[in-house]
Amino acid sequence: MSRKQSLTSIGQPVPELPVTDVERAQQHYRDALGFEIGWLYPGEIGAVSRGNVAIFFRKTAPPFEAAVHWVFAEDVDATYNELKSLGANIVEPLEKKPWGLRQFTVEDIDGNRFYFHHD
């Protein structure tokens, strides 16, 4: 199979998470997950960032299906300890899973889940 040469580059995708309150979600991600608050269009949409990772939030009326994300952590032990010290809602502790990954799970205030892992 032949491939066309790529002439442009694109950045990594930015997830848009459903939340009940955008400003509350931004504050939670700042306080419990170490993000910085980016921009806000009051009552509708906003963003946070941490390093080269950005997350958008969109106000959504419940009930809604929470999002799930898998996040590779270069040093999963340090990430676990950092998020634990910030008060993140760790719903599954750091452990080696039967499928071979060392991982832990964080859930935000709207039920969105992040599986932090390292193989």
PDB file of N, CA and C in Angstrom:
ATOM      1  N   MET A   1       0.854  -1.175   0.000  1.00  0.00           N
ATOM      2  CA  MET A   1       0.000   0.000   0.000  1.00  0.00           C
ATOM      3  C   MET A   1       0.899   1.237   0.000  1.00  0.00           C
ATOM      4  N   SER A   2       0.650   2.140  -0.905  1.00  0.00           N
ATOM      5  CA  SER A   2       1.458   3.360  -0.971  1.00  0.00           C
ATOM      6  C   SER A   2       0.844   4.440  -0.084  1.00  0.00           C
ATOM      7  N   ARG A   3       1.723   5.307   0.372  1.00  0.00           N
ATOM      8  CA  ARG A   3       1.289   6.427   1.220  1.00  0.00           C
ATOM      9  C   ARG A   3       1.598   7.724   0.523  1.00  0.00           C
ATOM     10  N   LYS A   4       0.680   8.668   0.607  1.00  0.00           N
ATOM     11  CA  LYS A   4       0.950  10.006   0.110  1.00  0.00           C
ATOM     12  C   LYS A   4       1.852  10.709   1.109  1.00  0.00           C
ATOM     13  N   GLN A   5       2.741  11.524   0.599  1.00  0.00           N
ATOM     14  CA  GLN A   5       3.591  12.304   1.475  1.00  0.00           C
ATOM     15  C   GLN A   5       2.748  13.368   2.166  1.00  0.00           C
ATOM     16  N   SER A   6       2.913  13.494   3.476  1.00  0.00           N
ATOM     17  CA  SER A   6       2.179  14.505   4.228  1.00  0.00           C
ATOM     18  C   SER A   6       2.860  15.856   4.058  1.00  0.00           C
ATOM     19  N   LEU A   7       2.110  16.839   3.646  1.00  0.00           N
ATOM     20  CA  LEU A   7       2.666  18.164   3.419  1.00  0.00           C
ATOM     21  C   LEU A   7       2.423  19.108   4.587  1.00  0.00           C
ATOM     22  N   THR A   8       1.511  18.740   5.463  1.00  0.00           N
ATOM     23  CA  THR A   8       1.224  19.595   6.611  1.00  0.00           C
ATOM     24  C   THR A   8       1.304  18.770   7.877  1.00  0.00           C
ATOM     25  N   SER A   9       1.423  19.441   8.991  1.00  0.00           N
ATOM     26  CA  SER A   9       1.394  18.730  10.270  1.00  0.00           C
ATOM     27  C   SER A   9       0.187  19.223  11.055  1.00  0.00           C
ATOM     28  N   ILE A  10      -0.282  18.368  11.910  1.00  0.00           N
ATOM     29  CA  ILE A  10      -1.401  18.745  12.775  1.00  0.00           C
ATOM     30  C   ILE A  10      -1.002  18.469  14.213  1.00  0.00           C
ATOM     31  N   GLY A  11      -1.620  19.183  15.114  1.00  0.00           N
ATOM     32  CA  GLY A  11      -1.345  19.001  16.535  1.00  0.00           C
ATOM     33  C   GLY A  11      -2.151  17.848  17.100  1.00  0.00           C
ATOM     34  N   GLN A  12      -1.906  17.575  18.376  1.00  0.00           N
ATOM     35  CA  GLN A  12      -2.641  16.494  19.017  1.00  0.00           C
ATOM     36  C   GLN A  12      -4.075  16.931  19.279  1.00  0.00           C
ATOM     37  N   PRO A  13      -5.006  15.983  19.284  1.00  0.00           N
ATOM     38  CA  PRO A  13      -6.402  16.323  19.533  1.00  0.00           C
ATOM     39  C   PRO A  13      -6.605  16.907  20.930  1.00  0.00           C
ATOM     40  N   VAL A  14      -7.577  17.781  21.055  1.00  0.00           N
ATOM     41  CA  VAL A  14      -7.946  18.355  22.339  1.00  0.00           C
ATOM     42  C   VAL A  14      -9.330  17.808  22.705  1.00  0.00           C
ATOM     43  N   PRO A  15      -9.424  17.065  23.803  1.00  0.00           N
ATOM     44  CA  PRO A  15     -10.745  16.548  24.172  1.00  0.00           C
ATOM     45  C   PRO A  15     -11.659  17.663  24.662  1.00  0.00           C
ATOM     46  N   GLU A  16     -12.941  17.487  24.413  1.00  0.00           N
ATOM     47  CA  GLU A  16     -13.957  18.392  24.943  1.00  0.00           C
ATOM     48  C   GLU A  16     -14.831  17.546  25.875  1.00  0.00           C
ATOM     49  N   LEU A  17     -14.771  17.851  27.164  1.00  0.00           N
ATOM     50  CA  LEU A  17     -15.478  17.054  28.156  1.00  0.00           C
ATOM     51  C   LEU A  17     -16.815  17.681  28.524  1.00  0.00           C
ATOM     52  N   PRO A  18     -17.832  16.850  28.709  1.00  0.00           N
ATOM     53  CA  PRO A  18     -19.114  17.368  29.180  1.00  0.00           C
ATOM     54  C   PRO A  18     -19.030  17.654  30.674  1.00  0.00           C
ATOM     55  N   VAL A  19     -19.504  18.820  31.080  1.00  0.00           N
ATOM     56  CA  VAL A  19     -19.510  19.202  32.496  1.00  0.00           C
ATOM     57  C   VAL A  19     -20.805  19.947  32.807  1.00  0.00           C
ATOM     58  N   THR A  20     -21.194  19.925  34.076  1.00  0.00           N
ATOM     59  CA  THR A  20     -22.405  20.651  34.460  1.00  0.00           C
ATOM     60  C   THR A  20     -22.143  22.137  34.675  1.00  0.00           C
ATOM     61  N   ASP A  21     -20.895  22.493  35.024  1.00  0.00           N
ATOM     62  CA  ASP A  21     -20.530  23.886  35.292  1.00  0.00           C
ATOM     63  C   ASP A  21     -19.089  24.090  34.841  1.00  0.00           C
ATOM     64  N   VAL A  22     -18.878  24.879  33.799  1.00  0.00           N
ATOM     65  CA  VAL A  22     -17.559  25.056  33.202  1.00  0.00           C
ATOM     66  C   VAL A  22     -16.565  25.665  34.188  1.00  0.00           C
ATOM     67  N   GLU A  23     -16.941  26.741  34.873  1.00  0.00           N
ATOM     68  CA  GLU A  23     -16.020  27.402  35.804  1.00  0.00           C
ATOM     69  C   GLU A  23     -15.652  26.486  36.968  1.00  0.00           C
ATOM     70  N   ARG A  24     -16.616  25.733  37.467  1.00  0.00           N
ATOM     71  CA  ARG A  24     -16.344  24.779  38.553  1.00  0.00           C
ATOM     72  C   ARG A  24     -15.381  23.703  38.071  1.00  0.00           C
ATOM     73  N   ALA A  25     -15.568  23.215  36.853  1.00  0.00           N
ATOM     74  CA  ALA A  25     -14.662  22.206  36.292  1.00  0.00           C
ATOM     75  C   ALA A  25     -13.252  22.778  36.161  1.00  0.00           C
ATOM     76  N   GLN A  26     -13.131  24.009  35.668  1.00  0.00           N
ATOM     77  CA  GLN A  26     -11.810  24.629  35.547  1.00  0.00           C
ATOM     78  C   GLN A  26     -11.119  24.726  36.904  1.00  0.00           C
ATOM     79  N   GLN A  27     -11.837  25.153  37.914  1.00  0.00           N
ATOM     80  CA  GLN A  27     -11.261  25.281  39.252  1.00  0.00           C
ATOM     81  C   GLN A  27     -10.847  23.918  39.803  1.00  0.00           C
ATOM     82  N   HIS A  28     -11.671  22.892  39.553  1.00  0.00           N
ATOM     83  CA  HIS A  28     -11.346  21.540  40.009  1.00  0.00           C
ATOM     84  C   HIS A  28     -10.065  21.037  39.347  1.00  0.00           C
ATOM     85  N   TYR A  29      -9.952  21.221  38.045  1.00  0.00           N
ATOM     86  CA  TYR A  29      -8.757  20.760  37.342  1.00  0.00           C
ATOM     87  C   TYR A  29      -7.518  21.539  37.786  1.00  0.00           C
ATOM     88  N   ARG A  30      -7.685  22.805  38.097  1.00  0.00           N
ATOM     89  CA  ARG A  30      -6.569  23.596  38.627  1.00  0.00           C
ATOM     90  C   ARG A  30      -6.148  23.083  39.999  1.00  0.00           C
ATOM     91  N   ASP A  31      -7.112  22.931  40.899  1.00  0.00           N
ATOM     92  CA  ASP A  31      -6.798  22.608  42.290  1.00  0.00           C
ATOM     93  C   ASP A  31      -6.431  21.142  42.521  1.00  0.00           C
ATOM     94  N   ALA A  32      -7.117  20.217  41.846  1.00  0.00           N
ATOM     95  CA  ALA A  32      -6.920  18.794  42.125  1.00  0.00           C
ATOM     96  C   ALA A  32      -6.041  18.074  41.102  1.00  0.00           C
ATOM     97  N   LEU A  33      -5.794  18.695  39.945  1.00  0.00           N
ATOM     98  CA  LEU A  33      -5.028  18.003  38.913  1.00  0.00           C
ATOM     99  C   LEU A  33      -3.844  18.810  38.385  1.00  0.00           C
ATOM    100  N   GLY A  34      -3.633  20.020  38.924  1.00  0.00           N
ATOM    101  CA  GLY A  34      -2.451  20.799  38.566  1.00  0.00           C
ATOM    102  C   GLY A  34      -2.492  21.512  37.233  1.00  0.00           C
ATOM    103  N   PHE A  35      -3.682  21.745  36.685  1.00  0.00           N
ATOM    104  CA  PHE A  35      -3.818  22.459  35.420  1.00  0.00           C
ATOM    105  C   PHE A  35      -3.864  23.962  35.670  1.00  0.00           C
ATOM    106  N   GLU A  36      -3.671  24.733  34.606  1.00  0.00           N
ATOM    107  CA  GLU A  36      -3.858  26.179  34.643  1.00  0.00           C
ATOM    108  C   GLU A  36      -5.132  26.511  33.884  1.00  0.00           C
ATOM    109  N   ILE A  37      -5.875  27.462  34.394  1.00  0.00           N
ATOM    110  CA  ILE A  37      -7.087  27.885  33.708  1.00  0.00           C
ATOM    111  C   ILE A  37      -6.684  28.710  32.488  1.00  0.00           C
ATOM    112  N   GLY A  38      -7.257  28.353  31.352  1.00  0.00           N
ATOM    113  CA  GLY A  38      -6.947  29.043  30.100  1.00  0.00           C
ATOM    114  C   GLY A  38      -7.938  30.150  29.831  1.00  0.00           C
ATOM    115  N   TRP A  39      -8.932  29.873  29.055  1.00  0.00           N
ATOM    116  CA  TRP A  39      -9.917  30.872  28.652  1.00  0.00           C
ATOM    117  C   TRP A  39     -11.313  30.388  29.014  1.00  0.00           C
ATOM    118  N   LEU A  40     -12.250  31.322  28.988  1.00  0.00           N
ATOM    119  CA  LEU A  40     -13.627  31.015  29.371  1.00  0.00           C
ATOM    120  C   LEU A  40     -14.591  31.856  28.558  1.00  0.00           C
ATOM    121  N   TYR A  41     -15.582  31.220  27.978  1.00  0.00           N
ATOM    122  CA  TYR A  41     -16.749  31.905  27.443  1.00  0.00           C
ATOM    123  C   TYR A  41     -17.843  31.585  28.444  1.00  0.00           C
ATOM    124  N   PRO A  42     -18.150  32.526  29.346  1.00  0.00           N
ATOM    125  CA  PRO A  42     -18.984  32.243  30.520  1.00  0.00           C
ATOM    126  C   PRO A  42     -20.263  31.461  30.221  1.00  0.00           C
ATOM    127  N   GLY A  43     -20.418  30.423  31.030  1.00  0.00           N
ATOM    128  CA  GLY A  43     -21.631  29.625  30.964  1.00  0.00           C
ATOM    129  C   GLY A  43     -21.691  28.605  29.848  1.00  0.00           C
ATOM    130  N   GLU A  44     -20.693  28.595  28.943  1.00  0.00           N
ATOM    131  CA  GLU A  44     -20.778  27.681  27.809  1.00  0.00           C
ATOM    132  C   GLU A  44     -19.575  26.788  27.614  1.00  0.00           C
ATOM    133  N   ILE A  45     -18.385  27.392  27.468  1.00  0.00           N
ATOM    134  CA  ILE A  45     -17.200  26.613  27.122  1.00  0.00           C
ATOM    135  C   ILE A  45     -15.962  27.279  27.704  1.00  0.00           C
ATOM    136  N   GLY A  46     -14.969  26.476  28.035  1.00  0.00           N
ATOM    137  CA  GLY A  46     -13.722  26.997  28.583  1.00  0.00           C
ATOM    138  C   GLY A  46     -12.627  25.958  28.443  1.00  0.00           C
ATOM    139  N   ALA A  47     -11.420  26.321  28.878  1.00  0.00           N
ATOM    140  CA  ALA A  47     -10.277  25.428  28.709  1.00  0.00           C
ATOM    141  C   ALA A  47      -9.333  25.500  29.890  1.00  0.00           C
ATOM    142  N   VAL A  48      -8.575  24.413  30.048  1.00  0.00           N
ATOM    143  CA  VAL A  48      -7.453  24.351  30.980  1.00  0.00           C
ATOM    144  C   VAL A  48      -6.273  23.753  30.223  1.00  0.00           C
ATOM    145  N   SER A  49      -5.070  23.933  30.777  1.00  0.00           N
ATOM    146  CA  SER A  49      -3.888  23.331  30.155  1.00  0.00           C
ATOM    147  C   SER A  49      -2.880  22.956  31.221  1.00  0.00           C
ATOM    148  N   ARG A  50      -2.035  22.000  30.847  1.00  0.00           N
ATOM    149  CA  ARG A  50      -0.937  21.552  31.701  1.00  0.00           C
ATOM    150  C   ARG A  50       0.156  21.093  30.752  1.00  0.00           C
ATOM    151  N   GLY A  51       1.258  21.834  30.713  1.00  0.00           N
ATOM    152  CA  GLY A  51       2.295  21.525  29.731  1.00  0.00           C
ATOM    153  C   GLY A  51       1.726  21.644  28.337  1.00  0.00           C
ATOM    154  N   ASN A  52       1.903  20.604  27.525  1.00  0.00           N
ATOM    155  CA  ASN A  52       1.388  20.655  26.152  1.00  0.00           C
ATOM    156  C   ASN A  52       0.015  20.000  26.023  1.00  0.00           C
ATOM    157  N   VAL A  53      -0.667  19.765  27.139  1.00  0.00           N
ATOM    158  CA  VAL A  53      -1.998  19.154  27.124  1.00  0.00           C
ATOM    159  C   VAL A  53      -3.052  20.221  27.395  1.00  0.00           C
ATOM    160  N   ALA A  54      -4.073  20.247  26.549  1.00  0.00           N
ATOM    161  CA  ALA A  54      -5.207  21.152  26.749  1.00  0.00           C
ATOM    162  C   ALA A  54      -6.480  20.322  26.815  1.00  0.00           C
ATOM    163  N   ILE A  55      -7.428  20.779  27.614  1.00  0.00           N
ATOM    164  CA  ILE A  55      -8.739  20.151  27.709  1.00  0.00           C
ATOM    165  C   ILE A  55      -9.778  21.256  27.645  1.00  0.00           C
ATOM    166  N   PHE A  56     -10.794  21.052  26.825  1.00  0.00           N
ATOM    167  CA  PHE A  56     -11.923  21.972  26.759  1.00  0.00           C
ATOM    168  C   PHE A  56     -13.071  21.374  27.554  1.00  0.00           C
ATOM    169  N   PHE A  57     -13.910  22.242  28.116  1.00  0.00           N
ATOM    170  CA  PHE A  57     -15.114  21.836  28.827  1.00  0.00           C
ATOM    171  C   PHE A  57     -16.313  22.513  28.172  1.00  0.00           C
ATOM    172  N   ARG A  58     -17.384  21.764  27.994  1.00  0.00           N
ATOM    173  CA  ARG A  58     -18.613  22.345  27.467  1.00  0.00           C
ATOM    174  C   ARG A  58     -19.741  22.045  28.437  1.00  0.00           C
ATOM    175  N   LYS A  59     -20.486  23.106  28.794  1.00  0.00           N
ATOM    176  CA  LYS A  59     -21.639  22.931  29.673  1.00  0.00           C
ATOM    177  C   LYS A  59     -22.640  22.007  28.991  1.00  0.00           C
ATOM    178  N   THR A  60     -23.029  20.973  29.725  1.00  0.00           N
ATOM    179  CA  THR A  60     -23.931  19.953  29.195  1.00  0.00           C
ATOM    180  C   THR A  60     -24.959  19.624  30.271  1.00  0.00           C
ATOM    181  N   ALA A  61     -26.211  19.556  29.887  1.00  0.00           N
ATOM    182  CA  ALA A  61     -27.266  19.222  30.847  1.00  0.00           C
ATOM    183  C   ALA A  61     -27.245  17.724  31.133  1.00  0.00           C
ATOM    184  N   PRO A  62     -27.260  17.352  32.416  1.00  0.00           N
ATOM    185  CA  PRO A  62     -27.309  15.932  32.737  1.00  0.00           C
ATOM    186  C   PRO A  62     -28.673  15.357  32.398  1.00  0.00           C
ATOM    187  N   PRO A  63     -28.786  14.079  32.197  1.00  0.00           N
ATOM    188  CA  PRO A  63     -27.669  13.129  32.267  1.00  0.00           C
ATOM    189  C   PRO A  63     -26.870  13.128  30.960  1.00  0.00           C
ATOM    190  N   PHE A  64     -25.571  12.896  31.073  1.00  0.00           N
ATOM    191  CA  PHE A  64     -24.714  12.772  29.905  1.00  0.00           C
ATOM    192  C   PHE A  64     -23.729  11.639  30.152  1.00  0.00           C
ATOM    193  N   GLU A  65     -23.198  11.114  29.066  1.00  0.00           N
ATOM    194  CA  GLU A  65     -22.218  10.046  29.179  1.00  0.00           C
ATOM    195  C   GLU A  65     -20.853  10.670  29.418  1.00  0.00           C
ATOM    196  N   ALA A  66     -20.229  10.270  30.506  1.00  0.00           N
ATOM    197  CA  ALA A  66     -18.909  10.796  30.839  1.00  0.00           C
ATOM    198  C   ALA A  66     -17.879  10.299  29.832  1.00  0.00           C
ATOM    199  N   ALA A  67     -16.822  11.070  29.649  1.00  0.00           N
ATOM    200  CA  ALA A  67     -15.744  10.707  28.725  1.00  0.00           C
ATOM    201  C   ALA A  67     -14.697   9.857  29.443  1.00  0.00           C
ATOM    202  N   VAL A  68     -13.994   9.046  28.673  1.00  0.00           N
ATOM    203  CA  VAL A  68     -12.910   8.212  29.189  1.00  0.00           C
ATOM    204  C   VAL A  68     -11.668   8.502  28.359  1.00  0.00           C
ATOM    205  N   HIS A  69     -10.526   8.688  29.048  1.00  0.00           N
ATOM    206  CA  HIS A  69      -9.260   8.963  28.371  1.00  0.00           C
ATOM    207  C   HIS A  69      -8.157   8.112  28.976  1.00  0.00           C
ATOM    208  N   TRP A  70      -7.280   7.609  28.122  1.00  0.00           N
ATOM    209  CA  TRP A  70      -6.082   6.897  28.545  1.00  0.00           C
ATOM    210  C   TRP A  70      -4.915   7.866  28.402  1.00  0.00           C
ATOM    211  N   VAL A  71      -4.146   8.032  29.494  1.00  0.00           N
ATOM    212  CA  VAL A  71      -3.056   8.998  29.520  1.00  0.00           C
ATOM    213  C   VAL A  71      -1.764   8.279  29.884  1.00  0.00           C
ATOM    214  N   PHE A  72      -0.770   8.332  28.996  1.00  0.00           N
ATOM    215  CA  PHE A  72       0.532   7.736  29.284  1.00  0.00           C
ATOM    216  C   PHE A  72       1.296   8.656  30.223  1.00  0.00           C
ATOM    217  N   ALA A  73       1.830   8.087  31.293  1.00  0.00           N
ATOM    218  CA  ALA A  73       2.644   8.852  32.242  1.00  0.00           C
ATOM    219  C   ALA A  73       4.051   8.267  32.237  1.00  0.00           C
ATOM    220  N   GLU A  74       5.021   9.065  31.858  1.00  0.00           N
ATOM    221  CA  GLU A  74       6.414   8.609  31.801  1.00  0.00           C
ATOM    222  C   GLU A  74       6.857   8.050  33.155  1.00  0.00           C
ATOM    223  N   ASP A  75       6.529   8.753  34.237  1.00  0.00           N
ATOM    224  CA  ASP A  75       6.818   8.288  35.597  1.00  0.00           C
ATOM    225  C   ASP A  75       5.487   8.176  36.330  1.00  0.00           C
ATOM    226  N   VAL A  76       4.846   7.037  36.185  1.00  0.00           N
ATOM    227  CA  VAL A  76       3.496   6.857  36.726  1.00  0.00           C
ATOM    228  C   VAL A  76       3.481   6.946  38.251  1.00  0.00           C
ATOM    229  N   ASP A  77       4.573   6.542  38.915  1.00  0.00           N
ATOM    230  CA  ASP A  77       4.630   6.649  40.379  1.00  0.00           C
ATOM    231  C   ASP A  77       4.621   8.110  40.818  1.00  0.00           C
ATOM    232  N   ALA A  78       5.433   8.940  40.165  1.00  0.00           N
ATOM    233  CA  ALA A  78       5.486  10.361  40.509  1.00  0.00           C
ATOM    234  C   ALA A  78       4.148  11.036  40.190  1.00  0.00           C
ATOM    235  N   THR A  79       3.535  10.679  39.071  1.00  0.00           N
ATOM    236  CA  THR A  79       2.240  11.252  38.708  1.00  0.00           C
ATOM    237  C   THR A  79       1.187  10.865  39.740  1.00  0.00           C
ATOM    238  N   TYR A  80       1.177   9.605  40.134  1.00  0.00           N
ATOM    239  CA  TYR A  80       0.236   9.132  41.149  1.00  0.00           C
ATOM    240  C   TYR A  80       0.418   9.909  42.457  1.00  0.00           C
ATOM    241  N   ASN A  81       1.662  10.026  42.904  1.00  0.00           N
ATOM    242  CA  ASN A  81       1.931  10.732  44.165  1.00  0.00           C
ATOM    243  C   ASN A  81       1.556  12.208  44.081  1.00  0.00           C
ATOM    244  N   GLU A  82       1.837  12.841  42.941  1.00  0.00           N
ATOM    245  CA  GLU A  82       1.492  14.254  42.770  1.00  0.00           C
ATOM    246  C   GLU A  82      -0.025  14.457  42.826  1.00  0.00           C
ATOM    247  N   LEU A  83      -0.765  13.670  42.042  1.00  0.00           N
ATOM    248  CA  LEU A  83      -2.215  13.850  41.996  1.00  0.00           C
ATOM    249  C   LEU A  83      -2.865  13.489  43.328  1.00  0.00           C
ATOM    250  N   LYS A  84      -2.322  12.478  43.992  1.00  0.00           N
ATOM    251  CA  LYS A  84      -2.833  12.107  45.318  1.00  0.00           C
ATOM    252  C   LYS A  84      -2.624  13.255  46.302  1.00  0.00           C
ATOM    253  N   SER A  85      -1.448  13.891  46.256  1.00  0.00           N
ATOM    254  CA  SER A  85      -1.161  14.997  47.181  1.00  0.00           C
ATOM    255  C   SER A  85      -2.028  16.225  46.890  1.00  0.00           C
ATOM    256  N   LEU A  86      -2.463  16.385  45.633  1.00  0.00           N
ATOM    257  CA  LEU A  86      -3.337  17.506  45.274  1.00  0.00           C
ATOM    258  C   LEU A  86      -4.794  17.255  45.664  1.00  0.00           C
ATOM    259  N   GLY A  87      -5.117  16.000  45.995  1.00  0.00           N
ATOM    260  CA  GLY A  87      -6.482  15.668  46.384  1.00  0.00           C
ATOM    261  C   GLY A  87      -7.348  15.183  45.240  1.00  0.00           C
ATOM    262  N   ALA A  88      -6.717  14.696  44.166  1.00  0.00           N
ATOM    263  CA  ALA A  88      -7.491  14.148  43.043  1.00  0.00           C
ATOM    264  C   ALA A  88      -8.329  12.971  43.533  1.00  0.00           C
ATOM    265  N   ASN A  89      -9.473  12.770  42.904  1.00  0.00           N
ATOM    266  CA  ASN A  89     -10.360  11.663  43.249  1.00  0.00           C
ATOM    267  C   ASN A  89      -9.848  10.390  42.569  1.00  0.00           C
ATOM    268  N   ILE A  90      -8.950   9.694  43.254  1.00  0.00           N
ATOM    269  CA  ILE A  90      -8.375   8.463  42.720  1.00  0.00           C
ATOM    270  C   ILE A  90      -9.331   7.330  43.071  1.00  0.00           C
ATOM    271  N   VAL A  91      -9.988   6.792  42.042  1.00  0.00           N
ATOM    272  CA  VAL A  91     -11.007   5.761  42.270  1.00  0.00           C
ATOM    273  C   VAL A  91     -10.460   4.349  42.142  1.00  0.00           C
ATOM    274  N   GLU A  92      -9.277   4.198  41.552  1.00  0.00           N
ATOM    275  CA  GLU A  92      -8.564   2.923  41.510  1.00  0.00           C
ATOM    276  C   GLU A  92      -7.098   3.237  41.760  1.00  0.00           C
ATOM    277  N   PRO A  93      -6.494   2.630  42.798  1.00  0.00           N
ATOM    278  CA  PRO A  93      -5.105   2.949  43.136  1.00  0.00           C
ATOM    279  C   PRO A  93      -4.122   2.413  42.103  1.00  0.00           C
ATOM    280  N   LEU A  94      -2.904   2.898  42.201  1.00  0.00           N
ATOM    281  CA  LEU A  94      -1.840   2.456  41.308  1.00  0.00           C
ATOM    282  C   LEU A  94      -1.544   0.984  41.561  1.00  0.00           C
ATOM    283  N   GLU A  95      -1.622   0.197  40.484  1.00  0.00           N
ATOM    284  CA  GLU A  95      -1.325  -1.236  40.587  1.00  0.00           C
ATOM    285  C   GLU A  95      -1.036  -1.787  39.200  1.00  0.00           C
ATOM    286  N   LYS A  96      -0.384  -2.937  39.173  1.00  0.00           N
ATOM    287  CA  LYS A  96      -0.149  -3.615  37.898  1.00  0.00           C
ATOM    288  C   LYS A  96      -1.395  -4.414  37.562  1.00  0.00           C
ATOM    289  N   LYS A  97      -1.916  -4.173  36.378  1.00  0.00           N
ATOM    290  CA  LYS A  97      -3.137  -4.829  35.928  1.00  0.00           C
ATOM    291  C   LYS A  97      -2.795  -6.147  35.235  1.00  0.00           C
ATOM    292  N   PRO A  98      -3.750  -7.060  35.156  1.00  0.00           N
ATOM    293  CA  PRO A  98      -3.511  -8.347  34.491  1.00  0.00           C
ATOM    294  C   PRO A  98      -3.068  -8.209  33.034  1.00  0.00           C
ATOM    295  N   TRP A  99      -3.403  -7.102  32.382  1.00  0.00           N
ATOM    296  CA  TRP A  99      -3.025  -6.889  30.983  1.00  0.00           C
ATOM    297  C   TRP A  99      -1.632  -6.281  30.860  1.00  0.00           C
ATOM    298  N   GLY A 100      -0.928  -6.133  31.994  1.00  0.00           N
ATOM    299  CA  GLY A 100       0.478  -5.742  31.960  1.00  0.00           C
ATOM    300  C   GLY A 100       0.791  -4.286  32.215  1.00  0.00           C
ATOM    301  N   LEU A 101      -0.207  -3.412  32.240  1.00  0.00           N
ATOM    302  CA  LEU A 101       0.043  -1.992  32.492  1.00  0.00           C
ATOM    303  C   LEU A 101      -0.002  -1.696  33.983  1.00  0.00           C
ATOM    304  N   ARG A 102       0.863  -0.797  34.421  1.00  0.00           N
ATOM    305  CA  ARG A 102       0.734  -0.225  35.762  1.00  0.00           C
ATOM    306  C   ARG A 102      -0.123   1.005  35.575  1.00  0.00           C
ATOM    307  N   GLN A 103      -1.228   1.072  36.300  1.00  0.00           N
ATOM    308  CA  GLN A 103      -2.148   2.178  36.078  1.00  0.00           C
ATOM    309  C   GLN A 103      -2.927   2.530  37.332  1.00  0.00           C
ATOM    310  N   PHE A 104      -3.499   3.742  37.301  1.00  0.00           N
ATOM    311  CA  PHE A 104      -4.451   4.189  38.308  1.00  0.00           C
ATOM    312  C   PHE A 104      -5.500   5.021  37.605  1.00  0.00           C
ATOM    313  N   THR A 105      -6.639   5.197  38.284  1.00  0.00           N
ATOM    314  CA  THR A 105      -7.769   5.877  37.660  1.00  0.00           C
ATOM    315  C   THR A 105      -8.195   7.081  38.483  1.00  0.00           C
ATOM    316  N   VAL A 106      -8.386   8.197  37.803  1.00  0.00           N
ATOM    317  CA  VAL A 106      -8.872   9.430  38.411  1.00  0.00           C
ATOM    318  C   VAL A 106     -10.232   9.746  37.799  1.00  0.00           C
ATOM    319  N   GLU A 107     -11.166  10.162  38.646  1.00  0.00           N
ATOM    320  CA  GLU A 107     -12.477  10.586  38.167  1.00  0.00           C
ATOM    321  C   GLU A 107     -12.696  12.030  38.587  1.00  0.00           C
ATOM    322  N   ASP A 108     -13.162  12.860  37.654  1.00  0.00           N
ATOM    323  CA  ASP A 108     -13.407  14.266  37.989  1.00  0.00           C
ATOM    324  C   ASP A 108     -14.798  14.441  38.593  1.00  0.00           C
ATOM    325  N   ILE A 109     -15.160  15.666  38.905  1.00  0.00           N
ATOM    326  CA  ILE A 109     -16.424  15.940  39.601  1.00  0.00           C
ATOM    327  C   ILE A 109     -17.660  15.706  38.751  1.00  0.00           C
ATOM    328  N   ASP A 110     -17.470  15.507  37.435  1.00  0.00           N
ATOM    329  CA  ASP A 110     -18.592  15.221  36.546  1.00  0.00           C
ATOM    330  C   ASP A 110     -18.600  13.769  36.068  1.00  0.00           C
ATOM    331  N   GLY A 111     -17.704  12.943  36.617  1.00  0.00           N
ATOM    332  CA  GLY A 111     -17.671  11.530  36.264  1.00  0.00           C
ATOM    333  C   GLY A 111     -16.752  11.172  35.112  1.00  0.00           C
ATOM    334  N   ASN A 112     -16.080  12.155  34.506  1.00  0.00           N
ATOM    335  CA  ASN A 112     -15.123  11.857  33.439  1.00  0.00           C
ATOM    336  C   ASN A 112     -13.932  11.126  34.047  1.00  0.00           C
ATOM    337  N   ARG A 113     -13.433  10.104  33.350  1.00  0.00           N
ATOM    338  CA  ARG A 113     -12.368   9.253  33.887  1.00  0.00           C
ATOM    339  C   ARG A 113     -11.087   9.357  33.076  1.00  0.00           C
ATOM    340  N   PHE A 114      -9.968   9.267  33.806  1.00  0.00           N
ATOM    341  CA  PHE A 114      -8.638   9.262  33.213  1.00  0.00           C
ATOM    342  C   PHE A 114      -7.897   8.055  33.742  1.00  0.00           C
ATOM    343  N   TYR A 115      -7.462   7.183  32.832  1.00  0.00           N
ATOM    344  CA  TYR A 115      -6.665   6.026  33.184  1.00  0.00           C
ATOM    345  C   TYR A 115      -5.208   6.387  32.918  1.00  0.00           C
ATOM    346  N   PHE A 116      -4.457   6.675  33.965  1.00  0.00           N
ATOM    347  CA  PHE A 116      -3.037   6.989  33.841  1.00  0.00           C
ATOM    348  C   PHE A 116      -2.271   5.676  33.847  1.00  0.00           C
ATOM    349  N   HIS A 117      -1.376   5.479  32.878  1.00  0.00           N
ATOM    350  CA  HIS A 117      -0.712   4.185  32.769  1.00  0.00           C
ATOM    351  C   HIS A 117       0.736   4.303  32.319  1.00  0.00           C
ATOM    352  N   HIS A 118       1.466   3.223  32.556  1.00  0.00           N
ATOM    353  CA  HIS A 118       2.827   3.044  32.069  1.00  0.00           C
ATOM    354  C   HIS A 118       3.040   1.541  31.949  1.00  0.00           C
ATOM    355  N   ASP A 119       3.703   1.128  30.869  1.00  0.00           N
ATOM    356  CA  ASP A 119       3.921  -0.316  30.711  1.00  0.00           C
ATOM    357  C   ASP A 119       5.248  -0.759  31.262  1.00  0.00           C
TER     358      ASP A 119
END
